[in-house]
Amino acid sequence: SLEAENLKNFQEDDVSKSRNNYVGKKVQPQQQNHSLLMHCIGTIVSPYTKRMGTPRQGALVPSGRGFIQLRIPVECIEGLELYSHAWVLFTFHANTDTPSANGAASNSFNKLNLSKTKIRPPRGNGIKVGMLATRSPHRPNNVGLSLVKIVRVDKKEKRLHLAALDLVNGTPVYDVKPCVPWDIPGHHDKVPLAVPTWVSQDDALQTVEFTTIARESLAKQVKDGKLAPLYTTKNGGTEGAIETIREVLAQDPRASNSNGPNKRGSKIIMTSSGAEADERSDSYKFLFCDVQVEFLVSNNGVEVLNVKKIDFDSDQYVDGIPVLLSGS
């Protein structure tokens, strides 16, 4: 009928006006870019002193220990211990391409980090993909999301103890959300998780062995409190640290973009007599708590050569990350 047609035209016109009013509405600059000011609710304490040596995904190093030192009332996380896992929202404070790291002007904090829109994933064999198609820490906004395992809540010390984490020591935390079944792809709709082949490939190194010197030195560092409070003589610290270091090294934490021969994926080829077949005999090092782990990668696997204490008092820090200058 004519009445019904007029009503339909009126409704469509009303919707059109509403849409146009919303799109054309003049807003203030601070509303237009939808900037968000967040406050830190806690800080990560983990054995991963620098980015190098930090797992690319927490689940790859399930024995890794850590906790969030809360800045908010502990009552805020009451009941969280009933969940097995949680999502942690944080900032990549150790990035070197952020305004706080390179000393840029304060107004740079209001700008997106789009200096590189495409990157080469470490395990992508040279391919370039959009930064949002990776888990790279270099993103438009300096924000990360990590899935961790909940171990326990320490109300007295205001700590949320975690395992299987991939967070650098000192990482600022902005939110914690419990993980529920509906977060798991396929739980409800039975559609399996799909990822590119370069993500799903298994390139873990098969063996990681400690020399006698390395094992004894690590035990001494644990006894001297160099891995406290995460790994101590009271919580099976030596064996716990060995397990975590093994899991870290199995993922080959060496730099993949190095121009030298001793980089991720390279190996020292050993002859049948045990002699090296080339000159790539330089060992590699990474920091774990307050010690330095020295290791070598060969076709036989990874060998941990030594574990030495580091004197951080004589070193400088950038955004809470030690820059080793002492040559320890």
Protein backbone atom coordinates (compact mmCIF):
# COMPACT_ATOMS: atom_id res chain seq x y z
CA SER A 1 0.00 0.00 0.00
CA LEU A 2 0.97 3.67 -0.29
CA GLU A 3 1.09 3.99 3.50
CA ALA A 4 3.48 1.06 3.80
CA GLU A 5 5.66 2.44 1.00
CA ASN A 6 5.84 5.86 2.70
CA LEU A 7 6.78 4.20 6.02
CA LYS A 8 9.57 2.25 4.31
CA ASN A 9 10.94 5.39 2.66
CA PHE A 10 10.81 7.23 5.97
CA GLN A 11 12.72 4.46 7.78
CA GLU A 12 15.41 4.27 5.07
CA ASP A 13 15.77 8.07 5.07
CA ASP A 14 16.03 8.09 8.87
CA VAL A 15 18.76 5.44 8.80
CA SER A 16 20.60 7.35 6.06
CA LYS A 17 20.47 10.59 8.05
CA SER A 18 21.71 8.85 11.19
CA ARG A 19 24.62 7.36 9.29
CA ASN A 20 25.49 10.66 7.64
CA ASN A 21 25.25 12.51 10.93
CA TYR A 22 27.65 10.05 12.54
CA VAL A 23 30.16 10.07 9.68
CA GLY A 24 30.05 13.81 9.16
CA LYS A 25 30.03 14.79 12.82
CA LYS A 26 32.88 17.09 13.71
CA VAL A 27 34.99 15.65 16.52
CA GLN A 28 37.97 16.91 18.45
CA PRO A 29 41.44 15.65 17.40
CA GLN A 30 41.86 13.62 20.58
CA GLN A 31 38.54 11.90 19.85
CA GLN A 32 39.31 11.35 16.20
CA ASN A 33 42.47 9.30 16.69
CA HIS A 34 40.98 7.43 19.67
CA SER A 35 44.21 7.53 21.65
CA LEU A 36 44.14 5.50 24.85
CA LEU A 37 46.06 6.27 28.02
CA MET A 38 46.73 3.12 30.04
CA HIS A 39 48.25 2.74 33.48
CA CYS A 40 50.62 -0.05 34.49
CA ILE A 41 49.07 -2.51 36.96
CA GLY A 42 52.19 -4.59 37.50
CA THR A 43 55.65 -5.54 36.30
CA ILE A 44 56.97 -8.85 34.98
CA VAL A 45 59.78 -10.61 36.84
CA SER A 46 61.26 -13.29 34.57
CA PRO A 47 64.62 -14.96 33.87
CA TYR A 48 64.72 -13.38 30.40
CA THR A 49 67.00 -10.38 30.93
CA LYS A 50 67.09 -9.26 27.28
CA ARG A 51 65.11 -9.94 24.12
CA MET A 52 67.74 -12.37 22.88
CA GLY A 53 67.08 -15.57 24.81
CA THR A 54 63.40 -14.78 25.42
CA PRO A 55 61.12 -17.49 23.94
CA ARG A 56 59.21 -16.42 20.83
CA GLN A 57 56.18 -18.15 22.38
CA GLY A 58 55.78 -19.09 26.03
CA ALA A 59 54.42 -22.56 25.29
CA LEU A 60 57.75 -23.49 23.68
CA VAL A 61 59.42 -23.14 27.11
CA PRO A 62 56.79 -24.55 29.48
CA SER A 63 59.19 -24.75 32.45
CA GLY A 64 59.96 -21.01 32.36
CA ARG A 65 59.20 -19.31 35.67
CA GLY A 66 58.08 -15.78 36.42
CA PHE A 67 55.52 -13.61 38.16
CA ILE A 68 53.70 -10.31 37.92
CA GLN A 69 54.54 -7.96 40.78
CA LEU A 70 51.23 -6.18 41.22
CA ARG A 71 50.84 -2.43 41.74
CA ILE A 72 47.13 -2.72 42.37
CA PRO A 73 45.24 -4.28 45.32
CA VAL A 74 45.69 -8.04 45.34
CA GLU A 75 41.92 -8.37 45.71
CA CYS A 76 41.70 -7.51 41.99
CA ILE A 77 42.97 -11.00 41.07
CA GLU A 78 41.04 -12.94 43.71
CA GLY A 79 39.55 -15.98 41.99
CA LEU A 80 42.08 -15.96 39.14
CA GLU A 81 43.76 -19.01 40.67
CA LEU A 82 40.72 -21.06 39.62
CA TYR A 83 41.77 -20.69 35.96
CA SER A 84 44.63 -22.58 34.34
CA HIS A 85 45.69 -19.85 31.90
CA ALA A 86 45.40 -16.11 31.40
CA TRP A 87 46.02 -13.45 28.77
CA VAL A 88 48.50 -10.73 29.68
CA LEU A 89 48.30 -7.34 27.96
CA PHE A 90 51.67 -5.56 28.01
CA THR A 91 53.99 -3.20 26.16
CA PHE A 92 57.17 -4.16 24.29
CA HIS A 93 59.35 -1.93 26.46
CA ALA A 94 62.59 -3.49 25.14
CA ASN A 95 61.96 -2.46 21.52
CA THR A 96 64.69 -0.25 20.05
CA ASP A 97 62.43 1.51 17.54
CA THR A 98 60.08 3.22 19.99
CA PRO A 99 60.24 6.89 21.09
CA SER A 100 61.25 5.98 24.65
CA ALA A 101 64.16 3.92 23.35
CA ASN A 102 65.62 6.37 20.82
CA GLY A 103 65.04 9.62 22.64
CA ALA A 104 62.48 11.06 20.22
CA ALA A 105 60.35 14.03 21.14
CA SER A 106 57.47 13.42 23.50
CA ASN A 107 54.87 14.15 20.81
CA SER A 108 56.13 11.08 18.94
CA PHE A 109 54.23 8.97 21.46
CA ASN A 110 51.06 10.00 19.65
CA LYS A 111 52.26 8.53 16.35
CA LEU A 112 51.89 5.01 15.02
CA ASN A 113 55.03 2.99 14.39
CA LEU A 114 54.74 2.43 10.64
CA SER A 115 58.38 2.75 9.63
CA LYS A 116 58.18 -0.82 8.33
CA THR A 117 54.86 -2.15 7.12
CA LYS A 118 56.36 -5.50 6.04
CA ILE A 119 58.93 -7.63 7.82
CA ARG A 120 60.82 -10.88 7.33
CA PRO A 121 59.79 -13.41 10.00
CA PRO A 122 62.83 -15.14 11.58
CA ARG A 123 61.64 -18.54 10.39
CA GLY A 124 60.08 -17.40 7.12
CA ASN A 125 63.09 -18.25 4.91
CA GLY A 126 63.34 -14.69 3.63
CA ILE A 127 59.69 -14.04 2.77
CA LYS A 128 58.17 -10.63 3.58
CA VAL A 129 54.69 -10.34 5.05
CA GLY A 130 52.66 -7.56 6.64
CA MET A 131 53.64 -6.84 10.22
CA LEU A 132 50.14 -7.70 11.42
CA ALA A 133 50.46 -11.15 9.82
CA THR A 134 53.23 -11.99 12.31
CA ARG A 135 53.82 -12.08 16.06
CA SER A 136 56.67 -9.59 15.74
CA PRO A 137 57.14 -7.14 18.65
CA HIS A 138 57.45 -4.31 16.12
CA ARG A 139 53.86 -3.19 15.56
CA PRO A 140 51.84 -0.02 14.85
CA ASN A 141 51.10 0.22 18.56
CA ASN A 142 53.69 -1.03 21.02
CA VAL A 143 51.25 -3.50 22.62
CA GLY A 144 51.55 -7.24 23.10
CA LEU A 145 49.22 -10.05 24.17
CA SER A 146 50.63 -13.20 25.73
CA LEU A 147 49.06 -16.45 26.89
CA VAL A 148 50.57 -17.69 30.17
CA LYS A 149 49.97 -20.52 32.60
CA ILE A 150 48.77 -19.55 36.08
CA VAL A 151 50.74 -21.24 38.86
CA ARG A 152 49.49 -19.56 42.02
CA VAL A 153 48.54 -16.28 43.67
CA ASP A 154 50.73 -14.95 46.48
CA LYS A 155 48.50 -12.49 48.32
CA LYS A 156 51.13 -11.60 50.90
CA GLU A 157 53.73 -10.55 48.33
CA LYS A 158 51.10 -9.32 45.80
CA ARG A 159 52.40 -11.66 43.10
CA LEU A 160 50.74 -13.66 40.36
CA HIS A 161 53.10 -16.56 39.68
CA LEU A 162 53.26 -17.77 36.07
CA ALA A 163 54.83 -20.43 33.88
CA ALA A 164 55.31 -20.79 30.12
CA LEU A 165 55.80 -17.05 29.64
CA ASP A 166 57.57 -15.18 26.85
CA LEU A 167 58.04 -11.82 28.57
CA VAL A 168 61.26 -9.89 29.15
CA ASN A 169 62.10 -9.04 32.75
CA GLY A 170 60.70 -5.62 33.67
CA THR A 171 57.86 -5.70 31.13
CA PRO A 172 55.01 -3.34 32.14
CA VAL A 173 51.63 -5.10 32.40
CA TYR A 174 48.35 -3.28 31.70
CA ASP A 175 45.73 -5.99 32.06
CA VAL A 176 45.21 -9.67 32.87
CA LYS A 177 42.22 -11.63 31.57
CA PRO A 178 41.39 -15.28 32.31
CA CYS A 179 41.48 -17.63 29.33
CA VAL A 180 38.17 -19.42 28.75
CA PRO A 181 37.30 -22.34 26.44
CA TRP A 182 35.79 -20.04 23.82
CA ASP A 183 39.22 -18.45 23.34
CA ILE A 184 40.44 -21.75 21.88
CA PRO A 185 39.91 -21.99 18.09
CA GLY A 186 37.67 -24.92 17.21
CA HIS A 187 36.19 -25.34 20.69
CA HIS A 188 32.73 -24.16 19.63
CA ASP A 189 32.56 -24.37 15.83
CA LYS A 190 35.01 -27.30 15.39
CA VAL A 191 36.92 -25.32 12.75
CA PRO A 192 40.64 -26.18 13.11
CA LEU A 193 43.24 -23.47 13.52
CA ALA A 194 44.98 -22.59 10.23
CA VAL A 195 48.47 -21.05 9.98
CA PRO A 196 51.08 -20.59 7.20
CA THR A 197 53.59 -23.40 6.71
CA TRP A 198 56.48 -21.25 7.94
CA VAL A 199 54.68 -20.93 11.28
CA SER A 200 53.86 -24.61 11.72
CA GLN A 201 57.27 -26.03 10.78
CA ASP A 202 59.14 -27.80 13.58
CA ASP A 203 62.76 -26.68 13.53
CA ALA A 204 63.66 -27.31 17.16
CA LEU A 205 67.18 -28.55 17.83
CA GLN A 206 67.08 -32.12 19.05
CA THR A 207 69.63 -32.19 21.88
CA VAL A 208 70.94 -29.70 24.44
CA GLU A 209 73.70 -30.95 26.73
CA PHE A 210 75.58 -29.26 29.58
CA THR A 211 79.29 -29.73 30.06
CA THR A 212 80.42 -30.63 33.57
CA ILE A 213 81.88 -27.15 33.97
CA ALA A 214 78.60 -25.52 32.92
CA ARG A 215 76.49 -27.65 35.24
CA GLU A 216 78.77 -27.07 38.24
CA SER A 217 78.99 -23.36 37.53
CA LEU A 218 75.21 -23.05 37.26
CA ALA A 219 74.75 -24.87 40.57
CA LYS A 220 77.17 -22.40 42.19
CA GLN A 221 75.33 -19.40 40.73
CA VAL A 222 72.03 -20.75 42.08
CA LYS A 223 73.62 -21.27 45.50
CA ASP A 224 75.00 -17.71 45.42
CA GLY A 225 71.54 -16.31 44.64
CA LYS A 226 72.30 -15.10 41.10
CA LEU A 227 69.06 -16.64 39.76
CA ALA A 228 66.86 -15.63 42.72
CA PRO A 229 64.00 -15.28 43.35
CA LEU A 230 62.92 -17.58 40.52
CA TYR A 231 65.52 -20.34 40.82
CA THR A 232 66.89 -21.00 44.32
CA THR A 233 68.23 -23.89 46.38
CA LYS A 234 64.81 -24.09 48.09
CA ASN A 235 62.75 -24.64 44.94
CA GLY A 236 64.92 -27.02 42.90
CA GLY A 237 66.58 -24.09 41.21
CA THR A 238 69.51 -25.84 39.57
CA GLU A 239 67.52 -28.56 37.82
CA GLY A 240 64.72 -26.09 37.09
CA ALA A 241 67.13 -23.64 35.46
CA ILE A 242 68.77 -26.43 33.44
CA GLU A 243 65.38 -27.48 32.10
CA THR A 244 64.40 -23.92 31.16
CA ILE A 245 67.76 -23.19 29.51
CA ARG A 246 67.49 -26.44 27.54
CA GLU A 247 64.04 -25.47 26.25
CA VAL A 248 65.26 -21.97 25.31
CA LEU A 249 68.32 -23.28 23.44
CA ALA A 250 66.31 -25.95 21.62
CA GLN A 251 64.61 -23.05 19.79
CA ASP A 252 68.02 -21.66 18.70
CA PRO A 253 67.84 -18.07 20.06
CA ARG A 254 70.69 -16.80 17.88
CA ALA A 255 70.00 -13.82 15.63
CA SER A 256 68.61 -14.81 12.24
CA ASN A 257 69.46 -11.52 10.49
CA SER A 258 73.18 -11.64 11.25
CA ASN A 259 75.63 -11.30 8.35
CA GLY A 260 78.09 -13.64 10.02
CA PRO A 261 78.17 -17.42 9.70
CA ASN A 262 77.23 -18.04 13.33
CA LYS A 263 73.52 -17.27 13.13
CA ARG A 264 70.24 -19.08 13.69
CA GLY A 265 70.10 -22.22 11.59
CA SER A 266 73.87 -22.50 11.03
CA LYS A 267 75.84 -25.40 12.48
CA ILE A 268 79.45 -26.37 12.94
CA ILE A 269 79.97 -29.52 10.89
CA MET A 270 81.94 -32.12 12.81
CA THR A 271 84.05 -34.82 11.15
CA SER A 272 83.92 -38.46 12.17
CA SER A 273 87.00 -37.90 14.36
CA GLY A 274 85.23 -35.10 16.24
CA ALA A 275 87.23 -32.28 14.63
CA GLU A 276 85.54 -29.19 13.27
CA ALA A 277 85.22 -29.17 9.48
CA ASP A 278 85.19 -25.36 9.24
CA GLU A 279 86.19 -22.30 11.25
CA ARG A 280 82.77 -21.38 12.62
CA SER A 281 83.78 -22.21 16.17
CA ASP A 282 82.67 -18.99 17.86
CA SER A 283 80.38 -19.67 20.79
CA TYR A 284 77.23 -17.65 21.40
CA LYS A 285 75.98 -16.10 24.65
CA PHE A 286 72.71 -14.97 26.17
CA LEU A 287 71.64 -13.64 29.56
CA PHE A 288 69.52 -15.66 31.95
CA CYS A 289 68.67 -13.89 35.22
CA ASP A 290 72.01 -12.50 36.40
CA VAL A 291 74.23 -15.01 34.60
CA GLN A 292 75.58 -15.40 31.08
CA VAL A 293 75.08 -18.72 29.30
CA GLU A 294 77.69 -19.64 26.70
CA PHE A 295 76.78 -22.29 24.14
CA LEU A 296 77.77 -23.81 20.82
CA VAL A 297 75.56 -25.25 18.06
CA SER A 298 76.83 -28.15 15.97
CA ASN A 299 75.37 -30.94 13.90
CA ASN A 300 75.30 -32.93 17.13
CA GLY A 301 73.00 -30.40 18.82
CA VAL A 302 73.64 -27.67 21.39
CA GLU A 303 76.38 -27.79 23.99
CA VAL A 304 76.32 -25.42 26.97
CA LEU A 305 79.95 -24.58 27.63
CA ASN A 306 79.81 -22.37 30.71
CA VAL A 307 77.59 -20.25 32.95
CA LYS A 308 79.17 -17.07 34.35
CA LYS A 309 77.88 -14.39 36.68
CA ILE A 310 77.45 -10.86 35.31
CA ASP A 311 78.14 -7.68 37.27
CA PHE A 312 75.23 -5.46 36.26
CA ASP A 313 76.27 -2.69 38.68
CA SER A 314 78.92 -1.48 36.24
CA ASP A 315 76.62 -1.54 33.21
CA GLN A 316 74.14 0.96 31.82
CA TYR A 317 70.43 0.46 31.31
CA VAL A 318 68.07 1.61 28.55
CA ASP A 319 64.38 1.31 29.42
CA GLY A 320 65.28 -1.19 32.15
CA ILE A 321 67.34 -3.39 29.81
CA PRO A 322 71.05 -3.81 30.65
CA VAL A 323 73.53 -2.74 27.98
CA LEU A 324 76.66 -4.74 28.78
CA LEU A 325 79.75 -2.54 28.75
CA SER A 326 81.98 -4.25 31.28
CA GLY A 327 83.01 -7.18 29.08
CA SER A 328 82.18 -9.58 31.89
